[in-house]
Amino acid sequence: MEDAISQDTTMHQRLLEHLTTAVLLLDGELRVRWMNPAAEALLAVSLSRVHGISLDTLLGGDESIDDVLAKARDAFHPYTQREARITP
């Protein structure tokens, strides 16, 4: 059973790594825990450089995204943003 779960996890991670859409995984404190290569390319950073950094710090102090994500987290709802302006 554990082997099947491990294979599923590996398959899902491979799928996420090959998407052209940027995907970030945040913890409960909205700190970066994982990002796929598309996110690394979009944000011009590597996961090893930003792992554990808060999203607002990564995005240059954009507290509005923190508010939206905190509400989604507290309500146990997913959040997707189709288009966003990211300024350095």
C-alpha atoms as a PDB file:
ATOM      1  CA  MET A   1       0.000   0.000   0.000  1.00  0.00           C
ATOM      2  CA  GLU A   2       2.775   2.462   0.921  1.00  0.00           C
ATOM      3  CA  ASP A   3       4.518   1.678  -2.358  1.00  0.00           C
ATOM      4  CA  ALA A   4       1.363   2.595  -4.314  1.00  0.00           C
ATOM      5  CA  ILE A   5       1.046   5.885  -2.397  1.00  0.00           C
ATOM      6  CA  SER A   6       4.703   6.649  -3.071  1.00  0.00           C
ATOM      7  CA  GLN A   7       4.219   5.993  -6.787  1.00  0.00           C
ATOM      8  CA  ASP A   8       1.130   8.253  -6.876  1.00  0.00           C
ATOM      9  CA  THR A   9       3.030  11.038  -5.104  1.00  0.00           C
ATOM     10  CA  THR A  10       5.938  10.717  -7.508  1.00  0.00           C
ATOM     11  CA  MET A  11       3.591  10.807 -10.503  1.00  0.00           C
ATOM     12  CA  HIS A  12       1.775  13.908  -9.211  1.00  0.00           C
ATOM     13  CA  GLN A  13       5.047  15.675  -8.527  1.00  0.00           C
ATOM     14  CA  ARG A  14       6.299  14.886 -12.034  1.00  0.00           C
ATOM     15  CA  LEU A  15       3.088  16.252 -13.528  1.00  0.00           C
ATOM     16  CA  LEU A  16       3.390  19.480 -11.536  1.00  0.00           C
ATOM     17  CA  GLU A  17       7.052  19.856 -12.460  1.00  0.00           C
ATOM     18  CA  HIS A  18       6.259  19.665 -16.175  1.00  0.00           C
ATOM     19  CA  LEU A  19       3.365  22.139 -16.223  1.00  0.00           C
ATOM     20  CA  THR A  20       3.911  25.430 -18.003  1.00  0.00           C
ATOM     21  CA  THR A  21       1.672  27.038 -15.353  1.00  0.00           C
ATOM     22  CA  ALA A  22       3.454  28.377 -12.261  1.00  0.00           C
ATOM     23  CA  VAL A  23       2.484  26.445  -9.121  1.00  0.00           C
ATOM     24  CA  LEU A  24       3.551  27.351  -5.568  1.00  0.00           C
ATOM     25  CA  LEU A  25       2.928  25.325  -2.422  1.00  0.00           C
ATOM     26  CA  LEU A  26       2.665  27.435   0.721  1.00  0.00           C
ATOM     27  CA  ASP A  27       2.502  26.391   4.357  1.00  0.00           C
ATOM     28  CA  GLY A  28      -0.019  27.669   6.919  1.00  0.00           C
ATOM     29  CA  GLU A  29       2.037  30.813   7.459  1.00  0.00           C
ATOM     30  CA  LEU A  30       2.080  31.514   3.688  1.00  0.00           C
ATOM     31  CA  ARG A  31       5.769  30.652   3.354  1.00  0.00           C
ATOM     32  CA  VAL A  32       7.070  28.996   0.194  1.00  0.00           C
ATOM     33  CA  ARG A  33       7.526  25.241   0.636  1.00  0.00           C
ATOM     34  CA  TRP A  34       7.719  24.167  -3.021  1.00  0.00           C
ATOM     35  CA  MET A  35       7.455  25.636  -6.512  1.00  0.00           C
ATOM     36  CA  ASN A  36       7.604  24.093  -9.925  1.00  0.00           C
ATOM     37  CA  PRO A  37      10.118  25.136 -12.611  1.00  0.00           C
ATOM     38  CA  ALA A  38       7.511  27.369 -14.296  1.00  0.00           C
ATOM     39  CA  ALA A  39       7.175  29.364 -11.056  1.00  0.00           C
ATOM     40  CA  GLU A  40      10.951  29.567 -10.734  1.00  0.00           C
ATOM     41  CA  ALA A  41      11.161  30.933 -14.291  1.00  0.00           C
ATOM     42  CA  LEU A  42       8.297  33.403 -13.796  1.00  0.00           C
ATOM     43  CA  LEU A  43       9.687  34.760 -10.527  1.00  0.00           C
ATOM     44  CA  ALA A  44      13.338  34.461 -11.627  1.00  0.00           C
ATOM     45  CA  VAL A  45      14.334  32.648  -8.421  1.00  0.00           C
ATOM     46  CA  SER A  46      15.199  29.105  -7.439  1.00  0.00           C
ATOM     47  CA  LEU A  47      13.312  27.104  -4.833  1.00  0.00           C
ATOM     48  CA  SER A  48      16.508  26.618  -2.843  1.00  0.00           C
ATOM     49  CA  ARG A  49      16.876  30.401  -2.596  1.00  0.00           C
ATOM     50  CA  VAL A  50      13.312  31.192  -1.475  1.00  0.00           C
ATOM     51  CA  HIS A  51      12.304  28.071   0.470  1.00  0.00           C
ATOM     52  CA  GLY A  52      10.739  29.245   3.742  1.00  0.00           C
ATOM     53  CA  ILE A  53      10.397  32.884   2.666  1.00  0.00           C
ATOM     54  CA  SER A  54       6.973  34.476   3.072  1.00  0.00           C
ATOM     55  CA  LEU A  55       4.994  35.056  -0.100  1.00  0.00           C
ATOM     56  CA  ASP A  56       4.650  38.800   0.536  1.00  0.00           C
ATOM     57  CA  THR A  57       8.451  39.080   0.807  1.00  0.00           C
ATOM     58  CA  LEU A  58       8.874  37.097  -2.403  1.00  0.00           C
ATOM     59  CA  LEU A  59       6.380  39.306  -4.230  1.00  0.00           C
ATOM     60  CA  GLY A  60       7.790  42.556  -2.906  1.00  0.00           C
ATOM     61  CA  GLY A  61       5.472  43.271   0.018  1.00  0.00           C
ATOM     62  CA  ASP A  62       2.128  42.688  -1.709  1.00  0.00           C
ATOM     63  CA  GLU A  63      -0.034  42.302   1.395  1.00  0.00           C
ATOM     64  CA  SER A  64      -3.282  42.101  -0.611  1.00  0.00           C
ATOM     65  CA  ILE A  65      -2.403  38.588  -1.806  1.00  0.00           C
ATOM     66  CA  ASP A  66      -1.661  37.598   1.790  1.00  0.00           C
ATOM     67  CA  ASP A  67      -5.148  38.699   2.830  1.00  0.00           C
ATOM     68  CA  VAL A  68      -6.841  36.752   0.045  1.00  0.00           C
ATOM     69  CA  LEU A  69      -4.779  33.618   0.684  1.00  0.00           C
ATOM     70  CA  ALA A  70      -5.306  33.802   4.452  1.00  0.00           C
ATOM     71  CA  LYS A  71      -9.082  33.909   3.886  1.00  0.00           C
ATOM     72  CA  ALA A  72      -8.885  30.937   1.516  1.00  0.00           C
ATOM     73  CA  ARG A  73      -6.737  29.029   4.031  1.00  0.00           C
ATOM     74  CA  ASP A  74      -9.079  29.779   6.936  1.00  0.00           C
ATOM     75  CA  ALA A  75     -12.143  28.709   4.911  1.00  0.00           C
ATOM     76  CA  PHE A  76     -10.362  25.601   3.514  1.00  0.00           C
ATOM     77  CA  HIS A  77     -10.961  26.800  -0.056  1.00  0.00           C
ATOM     78  CA  PRO A  78      -8.500  26.525  -2.941  1.00  0.00           C
ATOM     79  CA  TYR A  79      -7.247  29.704  -4.567  1.00  0.00           C
ATOM     80  CA  THR A  80      -6.364  30.265  -8.203  1.00  0.00           C
ATOM     81  CA  GLN A  81      -5.329  33.543  -9.769  1.00  0.00           C
ATOM     82  CA  ARG A  82      -5.523  33.478 -13.539  1.00  0.00           C
ATOM     83  CA  GLU A  83      -3.662  36.710 -14.206  1.00  0.00           C
ATOM     84  CA  ALA A  84      -1.484  38.738 -11.900  1.00  0.00           C
ATOM     85  CA  ARG A  85       0.863  41.674 -12.122  1.00  0.00           C
ATOM     86  CA  ILE A  86       4.170  40.995 -10.498  1.00  0.00           C
ATOM     87  CA  THR A  87       6.437  43.965 -10.081  1.00  0.00           C
ATOM     88  CA  PRO A  88      10.052  43.711  -8.982  1.00  0.00           C
END
